[in-house]
């Protein structure tokens, strides 16, 4: 039971938001996810640029590692942006159809 507590705590906010605000809550949650995705992507690019500026060009293996971390962060940011956009669209469609 205890290992499920973090999942419950993480899922509690969106469920309350959607339950209390309905489709408008879904739109807000989607916009928040898009903002988090954009922030994650910008931070990844910022860290990559900082490494290049501060340490200069590294060896090929270190550069490959940095680029790999950049691509992984960019992919996860893109997933968050797409999911957020889908939630915002679903909330808007629900608000228009059922609101």
C-alpha atoms as a PDB file:
ATOM      1  CA  UNK A   1       0.000   0.000   0.000  1.00  0.00           C
ATOM      2  CA  UNK A   2       2.830   2.412   0.836  1.00  0.00           C
ATOM      3  CA  UNK A   3       4.510   2.234  -2.624  1.00  0.00           C
ATOM      4  CA  UNK A   4       1.258   3.454  -4.204  1.00  0.00           C
ATOM      5  CA  UNK A   5       1.173   6.624  -2.099  1.00  0.00           C
ATOM      6  CA  UNK A   6       3.322   8.762  -4.479  1.00  0.00           C
ATOM      7  CA  UNK A   7       1.118   7.772  -7.414  1.00  0.00           C
ATOM      8  CA  UNK A   8      -1.957   8.790  -5.453  1.00  0.00           C
ATOM      9  CA  UNK A   9      -0.414  12.104  -4.416  1.00  0.00           C
ATOM     10  CA  UNK A  10       0.665  12.912  -7.976  1.00  0.00           C
ATOM     11  CA  UNK A  11      -2.718  12.011  -9.421  1.00  0.00           C
ATOM     12  CA  UNK A  12      -4.723  13.815  -6.769  1.00  0.00           C
ATOM     13  CA  UNK A  13      -4.185  17.341  -8.166  1.00  0.00           C
ATOM     14  CA  UNK A  14      -5.371  16.661 -11.736  1.00  0.00           C
ATOM     15  CA  UNK A  15      -8.361  14.650 -10.548  1.00  0.00           C
ATOM     16  CA  UNK A  16      -9.473  17.378  -8.164  1.00  0.00           C
ATOM     17  CA  UNK A  17      -8.909  20.016 -10.826  1.00  0.00           C
ATOM     18  CA  UNK A  18     -10.942  18.120 -13.393  1.00  0.00           C
ATOM     19  CA  UNK A  19     -13.614  17.152 -10.858  1.00  0.00           C
ATOM     20  CA  UNK A  20     -14.104  20.652  -9.512  1.00  0.00           C
ATOM     21  CA  UNK A  21     -13.750  22.643 -12.722  1.00  0.00           C
ATOM     22  CA  UNK A  22     -14.941  20.122 -15.326  1.00  0.00           C
ATOM     23  CA  UNK A  23     -13.793  20.677 -18.873  1.00  0.00           C
ATOM     24  CA  UNK A  24     -12.295  24.042 -17.979  1.00  0.00           C
ATOM     25  CA  UNK A  25     -10.015  22.187 -15.512  1.00  0.00           C
ATOM     26  CA  UNK A  26      -8.941  19.871 -18.317  1.00  0.00           C
ATOM     27  CA  UNK A  27      -8.042  22.895 -20.446  1.00  0.00           C
ATOM     28  CA  UNK A  28      -6.043  24.435 -17.574  1.00  0.00           C
ATOM     29  CA  UNK A  29      -4.211  21.158 -16.938  1.00  0.00           C
ATOM     30  CA  UNK A  30      -3.382  20.872 -20.653  1.00  0.00           C
ATOM     31  CA  UNK A  31      -1.999  24.410 -20.726  1.00  0.00           C
ATOM     32  CA  UNK A  32       0.086  23.672 -17.624  1.00  0.00           C
ATOM     33  CA  UNK A  33       1.528  20.563 -19.286  1.00  0.00           C
ATOM     34  CA  UNK A  34       2.423  22.551 -22.409  1.00  0.00           C
ATOM     35  CA  UNK A  35       4.183  25.133 -20.209  1.00  0.00           C
ATOM     36  CA  UNK A  36       6.131  22.404 -18.410  1.00  0.00           C
ATOM     37  CA  UNK A  37       7.143  20.876 -21.749  1.00  0.00           C
ATOM     38  CA  UNK A  38       8.359  24.209 -23.082  1.00  0.00           C
ATOM     39  CA  UNK A  39      10.307  24.882 -19.885  1.00  0.00           C
ATOM     40  CA  UNK A  40      11.920  21.445 -19.985  1.00  0.00           C
ATOM     41  CA  UNK A  41      13.002  21.941 -23.601  1.00  0.00           C
ATOM     42  CA  UNK A  42      14.403  25.402 -22.927  1.00  0.00           C
ATOM     43  CA  UNK A  43      16.328  24.189 -19.864  1.00  0.00           C
ATOM     44  CA  UNK A  44      17.813  21.310 -21.865  1.00  0.00           C
ATOM     45  CA  UNK A  45      19.021  23.657 -24.587  1.00  0.00           C
ATOM     46  CA  UNK A  46      20.316  26.100 -21.981  1.00  0.00           C
ATOM     47  CA  UNK A  47      22.354  23.404 -20.231  1.00  0.00           C
ATOM     48  CA  UNK A  48      23.755  22.185 -23.547  1.00  0.00           C
ATOM     49  CA  UNK A  49      24.735  25.707 -24.596  1.00  0.00           C
ATOM     50  CA  UNK A  50      26.263  26.375 -21.177  1.00  0.00           C
ATOM     51  CA  UNK A  51      28.434  23.278 -21.501  1.00  0.00           C
ATOM     52  CA  UNK A  52      29.632  24.393 -24.932  1.00  0.00           C
ATOM     53  CA  UNK A  53      30.318  27.972 -23.795  1.00  0.00           C
ATOM     54  CA  UNK A  54      31.997  27.145 -20.482  1.00  0.00           C
ATOM     55  CA  UNK A  55      33.978  24.052 -21.438  1.00  0.00           C
ATOM     56  CA  UNK A  56      34.332  24.568 -25.169  1.00  0.00           C
ATOM     57  CA  UNK A  57      34.200  21.727 -27.627  1.00  0.00           C
ATOM     58  CA  UNK A  58      34.786  18.445 -25.881  1.00  0.00           C
ATOM     59  CA  UNK A  59      36.023  15.143 -27.173  1.00  0.00           C
ATOM     60  CA  UNK A  60      33.705  13.254 -29.478  1.00  0.00           C
ATOM     61  CA  UNK A  61      32.572  10.824 -26.768  1.00  0.00           C
ATOM     62  CA  UNK A  62      31.698  13.614 -24.323  1.00  0.00           C
ATOM     63  CA  UNK A  63      29.955  15.576 -27.056  1.00  0.00           C
ATOM     64  CA  UNK A  64      27.940  12.486 -28.014  1.00  0.00           C
ATOM     65  CA  UNK A  65      26.864  12.095 -24.390  1.00  0.00           C
ATOM     66  CA  UNK A  66      25.808  15.750 -24.190  1.00  0.00           C
ATOM     67  CA  UNK A  67      23.869  15.497 -27.448  1.00  0.00           C
ATOM     68  CA  UNK A  68      22.230  12.282 -26.250  1.00  0.00           C
ATOM     69  CA  UNK A  69      21.066  14.004 -23.048  1.00  0.00           C
ATOM     70  CA  UNK A  70      19.793  16.940 -25.120  1.00  0.00           C
ATOM     71  CA  UNK A  71      17.814  14.672 -27.443  1.00  0.00           C
ATOM     72  CA  UNK A  72      16.313  12.705 -24.534  1.00  0.00           C
ATOM     73  CA  UNK A  73      15.176  15.894 -22.796  1.00  0.00           C
ATOM     74  CA  UNK A  74      13.820  17.318 -26.049  1.00  0.00           C
ATOM     75  CA  UNK A  75      11.842  14.132 -26.738  1.00  0.00           C
ATOM     76  CA  UNK A  76      10.290  14.113 -23.280  1.00  0.00           C
ATOM     77  CA  UNK A  77       9.475  17.819 -23.646  1.00  0.00           C
ATOM     78  CA  UNK A  78       7.809  17.152 -26.990  1.00  0.00           C
ATOM     79  CA  UNK A  79       5.727  14.357 -25.464  1.00  0.00           C
ATOM     80  CA  UNK A  80       4.574  16.667 -22.670  1.00  0.00           C
ATOM     81  CA  UNK A  81       3.665  19.366 -25.181  1.00  0.00           C
ATOM     82  CA  UNK A  82       1.655  16.953 -27.343  1.00  0.00           C
ATOM     83  CA  UNK A  83      -0.187  15.490 -24.341  1.00  0.00           C
ATOM     84  CA  UNK A  84      -0.926  18.968 -23.018  1.00  0.00           C
ATOM     85  CA  UNK A  85      -2.206  20.094 -26.387  1.00  0.00           C
ATOM     86  CA  UNK A  86      -4.391  16.982 -26.651  1.00  0.00           C
ATOM     87  CA  UNK A  87      -5.844  17.641 -23.185  1.00  0.00           C
ATOM     88  CA  UNK A  88      -6.544  21.273 -24.043  1.00  0.00           C
ATOM     89  CA  UNK A  89      -8.249  20.253 -27.279  1.00  0.00           C
ATOM     90  CA  UNK A  90     -10.270  17.545 -25.501  1.00  0.00           C
ATOM     91  CA  UNK A  91     -11.330  20.044 -22.838  1.00  0.00           C
ATOM     92  CA  UNK A  92     -12.307  22.596 -25.451  1.00  0.00           C
ATOM     93  CA  UNK A  93     -14.281  19.993 -27.414  1.00  0.00           C
ATOM     94  CA  UNK A  94     -16.012  18.824 -24.250  1.00  0.00           C
ATOM     95  CA  UNK A  95     -16.804  22.376 -23.237  1.00  0.00           C
ATOM     96  CA  UNK A  96     -18.257  23.178 -26.658  1.00  0.00           C
ATOM     97  CA  UNK A  97     -20.222  19.927 -27.036  1.00  0.00           C
ATOM     98  CA  UNK A  98     -21.407  19.356 -23.465  1.00  0.00           C
ATOM     99  CA  UNK A  99     -20.922  22.713 -21.770  1.00  0.00           C
END
